[in-house]
Amino acid sequence: MNNRNNGSDYESLRLNREGQAEAFDTIGNRYDEAFPHKEGQVSAGEWLIRSLPAGSRVPDL
């Protein structure tokens, strides 16, 4: 994989995520309006809940 810095491996890929947190903070209270079609996310979450042993922790869902 190549990127703008002429890197040829994944570790050299630098993503600019500046402003990402602010964007999510801005839409946070209106997330359901911004992303109304979440059936895939809901299904994946339900699958995860069924699949993990009781007491399991998920760092980010």
N, C-alpha and C. Protein backbone atom coordinates (compact mmCIF):
# COMPACT_ATOMS: atom_id res chain seq x y z
N MET A 1 0.85 -1.16 0.00
CA MET A 1 0.00 0.00 0.00
C MET A 1 0.90 1.23 0.00
N ASN A 2 0.58 2.19 -0.83
CA ASN A 2 1.35 3.42 -0.87
C ASN A 2 0.49 4.57 -0.37
N ASN A 3 1.15 5.57 0.21
CA ASN A 3 0.44 6.76 0.63
C ASN A 3 1.17 7.99 0.13
N ARG A 4 0.69 9.15 0.53
CA ARG A 4 1.28 10.40 0.05
C ARG A 4 2.73 10.58 0.46
N ASN A 5 3.17 9.92 1.51
CA ASN A 5 4.54 10.04 1.99
C ASN A 5 5.46 8.99 1.38
N ASN A 6 5.01 8.38 0.29
CA ASN A 6 5.76 7.32 -0.39
C ASN A 6 6.02 6.12 0.50
N GLY A 7 5.20 5.91 1.51
CA GLY A 7 5.34 4.74 2.37
C GLY A 7 4.81 3.52 1.67
N SER A 8 5.37 2.37 1.97
CA SER A 8 4.91 1.17 1.30
C SER A 8 4.35 0.15 2.27
N ASP A 9 4.18 0.53 3.52
CA ASP A 9 3.62 -0.41 4.49
C ASP A 9 2.57 0.30 5.34
N TYR A 10 1.78 -0.51 6.00
CA TYR A 10 0.66 0.02 6.78
C TYR A 10 1.12 0.98 7.87
N GLU A 11 2.22 0.68 8.53
CA GLU A 11 2.69 1.51 9.64
C GLU A 11 3.04 2.93 9.19
N SER A 12 3.40 3.09 7.94
CA SER A 12 3.79 4.41 7.47
C SER A 12 2.58 5.27 7.07
N LEU A 13 1.41 4.66 7.02
CA LEU A 13 0.20 5.39 6.65
C LEU A 13 -0.20 6.31 7.79
N ARG A 14 -0.28 7.57 7.50
CA ARG A 14 -0.66 8.56 8.51
C ARG A 14 -2.02 9.14 8.13
N LEU A 15 -2.99 8.97 8.98
CA LEU A 15 -4.32 9.49 8.71
C LEU A 15 -4.49 10.81 9.45
N ASN A 16 -5.06 11.78 8.78
CA ASN A 16 -5.35 13.06 9.40
C ASN A 16 -6.74 12.98 10.01
N ARG A 17 -6.79 12.90 11.30
CA ARG A 17 -8.08 12.79 11.99
C ARG A 17 -8.40 14.06 12.76
N GLU A 18 -7.75 15.14 12.37
CA GLU A 18 -7.98 16.42 13.02
C GLU A 18 -9.45 16.81 12.85
N GLY A 19 -10.07 17.19 13.91
CA GLY A 19 -11.46 17.60 13.85
C GLY A 19 -12.47 16.48 14.00
N GLN A 20 -12.01 15.24 14.01
CA GLN A 20 -12.94 14.11 14.09
C GLN A 20 -13.72 14.11 15.41
N ALA A 21 -13.04 14.34 16.51
CA ALA A 21 -13.72 14.35 17.82
C ALA A 21 -14.75 15.47 17.88
N GLU A 22 -14.38 16.64 17.37
CA GLU A 22 -15.30 17.77 17.38
C GLU A 22 -16.55 17.48 16.55
N ALA A 23 -16.36 16.80 15.43
CA ALA A 23 -17.50 16.45 14.59
C ALA A 23 -18.45 15.52 15.32
N PHE A 24 -17.91 14.50 15.99
CA PHE A 24 -18.77 13.57 16.72
C PHE A 24 -19.43 14.25 17.91
N ASP A 25 -18.71 15.16 18.58
CA ASP A 25 -19.31 15.90 19.69
C ASP A 25 -20.47 16.76 19.19
N THR A 26 -20.30 17.33 18.01
CA THR A 26 -21.33 18.20 17.45
C THR A 26 -22.61 17.43 17.13
N ILE A 27 -22.48 16.24 16.57
CA ILE A 27 -23.69 15.49 16.20
C ILE A 27 -24.17 14.57 17.31
N GLY A 28 -23.44 14.48 18.41
CA GLY A 28 -23.75 13.53 19.47
C GLY A 28 -25.20 13.50 19.90
N ASN A 29 -25.76 14.66 20.18
CA ASN A 29 -27.15 14.71 20.67
C ASN A 29 -28.17 14.42 19.58
N ARG A 30 -27.73 14.48 18.31
CA ARG A 30 -28.65 14.25 17.20
C ARG A 30 -28.18 13.08 16.33
N TYR A 31 -27.46 12.15 16.94
CA TYR A 31 -26.89 11.01 16.21
C TYR A 31 -27.96 10.24 15.44
N ASP A 32 -29.09 10.00 16.09
CA ASP A 32 -30.15 9.23 15.45
C ASP A 32 -30.70 9.93 14.20
N GLU A 33 -30.69 11.26 14.20
CA GLU A 33 -31.13 11.99 13.02
C GLU A 33 -30.07 11.93 11.92
N ALA A 34 -28.80 12.04 12.30
CA ALA A 34 -27.71 12.05 11.33
C ALA A 34 -27.50 10.67 10.70
N PHE A 35 -27.72 9.62 11.47
CA PHE A 35 -27.50 8.25 11.01
C PHE A 35 -28.72 7.39 11.33
N PRO A 36 -29.81 7.56 10.57
CA PRO A 36 -31.05 6.86 10.92
C PRO A 36 -31.04 5.36 10.58
N HIS A 37 -30.15 4.93 9.71
CA HIS A 37 -30.16 3.53 9.27
C HIS A 37 -29.02 2.78 9.96
N LYS A 38 -29.30 2.25 11.14
CA LYS A 38 -28.27 1.59 11.94
C LYS A 38 -28.54 0.11 12.15
N GLU A 39 -29.33 -0.48 11.29
CA GLU A 39 -29.70 -1.88 11.49
C GLU A 39 -28.48 -2.79 11.58
N GLY A 40 -27.47 -2.54 10.76
CA GLY A 40 -26.25 -3.35 10.80
C GLY A 40 -25.51 -3.20 12.11
N GLN A 41 -25.44 -1.97 12.62
CA GLN A 41 -24.78 -1.75 13.91
C GLN A 41 -25.53 -2.44 15.03
N VAL A 42 -26.84 -2.32 15.01
CA VAL A 42 -27.66 -2.95 16.05
C VAL A 42 -27.50 -4.46 16.00
N SER A 43 -27.56 -5.03 14.81
CA SER A 43 -27.40 -6.49 14.67
C SER A 43 -26.03 -6.95 15.16
N ALA A 44 -24.99 -6.20 14.81
CA ALA A 44 -23.64 -6.56 15.26
C ALA A 44 -23.52 -6.48 16.77
N GLY A 45 -24.11 -5.46 17.37
CA GLY A 45 -24.09 -5.34 18.83
C GLY A 45 -24.84 -6.47 19.51
N GLU A 46 -25.98 -6.84 18.96
CA GLU A 46 -26.75 -7.95 19.53
C GLU A 46 -25.98 -9.26 19.42
N TRP A 47 -25.33 -9.47 18.26
CA TRP A 47 -24.50 -10.67 18.08
C TRP A 47 -23.38 -10.70 19.11
N LEU A 48 -22.73 -9.56 19.30
CA LEU A 48 -21.63 -9.49 20.25
C LEU A 48 -22.10 -9.82 21.67
N ILE A 49 -23.22 -9.25 22.06
CA ILE A 49 -23.77 -9.50 23.39
C ILE A 49 -24.06 -10.98 23.59
N ARG A 50 -24.65 -11.63 22.57
CA ARG A 50 -24.95 -13.06 22.67
C ARG A 50 -23.68 -13.90 22.69
N SER A 51 -22.62 -13.45 22.03
CA SER A 51 -21.41 -14.24 21.84
C SER A 51 -20.43 -14.18 23.00
N LEU A 52 -20.43 -13.09 23.74
CA LEU A 52 -19.45 -12.93 24.82
C LEU A 52 -19.90 -13.60 26.11
N PRO A 53 -18.96 -14.13 26.88
CA PRO A 53 -19.32 -14.67 28.19
C PRO A 53 -19.80 -13.55 29.11
N ALA A 54 -20.63 -13.93 30.08
CA ALA A 54 -21.12 -12.95 31.06
C ALA A 54 -19.93 -12.27 31.74
N GLY A 55 -20.05 -10.97 31.95
CA GLY A 55 -19.00 -10.22 32.62
C GLY A 55 -17.89 -9.73 31.70
N SER A 56 -18.00 -10.02 30.41
CA SER A 56 -16.98 -9.58 29.45
C SER A 56 -17.01 -8.05 29.34
N ARG A 57 -15.86 -7.51 28.94
CA ARG A 57 -15.76 -6.06 28.74
C ARG A 57 -15.46 -5.79 27.27
N VAL A 58 -16.05 -4.74 26.75
CA VAL A 58 -15.81 -4.31 25.37
C VAL A 58 -15.28 -2.89 25.44
N PRO A 59 -14.07 -2.64 24.95
CA PRO A 59 -13.48 -1.32 25.10
C PRO A 59 -14.18 -0.23 24.30
N ASP A 60 -14.76 -0.55 23.16
CA ASP A 60 -15.43 0.46 22.34
C ASP A 60 -16.47 -0.22 21.48
N LEU A 61 -17.68 0.22 21.64
CA LEU A 61 -18.76 -0.39 20.87
C LEU A 61 -19.54 0.69 20.19
